Amino acid sequence: MKIAVASDHAGFAYKKSIILLLGRSGHEVRDFGTHSEAPVDYPLFIRPAAEAVAEKTCDLGIVLGGSGNGEAIAANKAPGIRCALCWNVETALLAKKHNNANMLSLGARMISEEEALRIVTAWIETKFEGGRHQRRIDQISDMEGLFRAATLPRVCSKS
């Protein structure tokens, strides 16, 4: 599987460990940065990772930050992305089983590195259950289409 990975400076150390874990598990990793602990603006790194997943050049994505909140918000701006902020294995399992999350967000200042690695492993290995959950995913996709249509310029004509 090809996995996009990105972080801000707060998530950089965990990102390195996650990349090693994914590589040892036979996954191909595309690292979108950042490449140090120097302060950065996370959207600059999260956006291209989310776009890679949305465009299907990567199968899944993992993003990291201090809390993981901003990274999840930024990733979810890309159409078709369902990025879940997870803080334990159970939330990761449900994110994949019920929500078919195609991106995972982790807060490096919120959980231990060991827990982050357990979360990543559980999330990668879990399969989407489909069924009633697919109906809900379809409804979310429909909402994205409505929001995109609502933001298009409208031409008004006067009769």
Foldseek 3Di string as FASTA:
>chain_A
DEEEEEEFLQCQVLSVVLVVVCVVVPYHYDYQDDNHNPGDDRLSRLVVRLVCCVVVVGQAYEYEYQAQVVSQVSSVVDQPADEDEDDAQVSLQCCCQQVVGRYYTYHPNRHPSVRVNNNVVSNVPHHHNDDPSVVVNVVVNVVVVVVVVVPDDDDDDDD
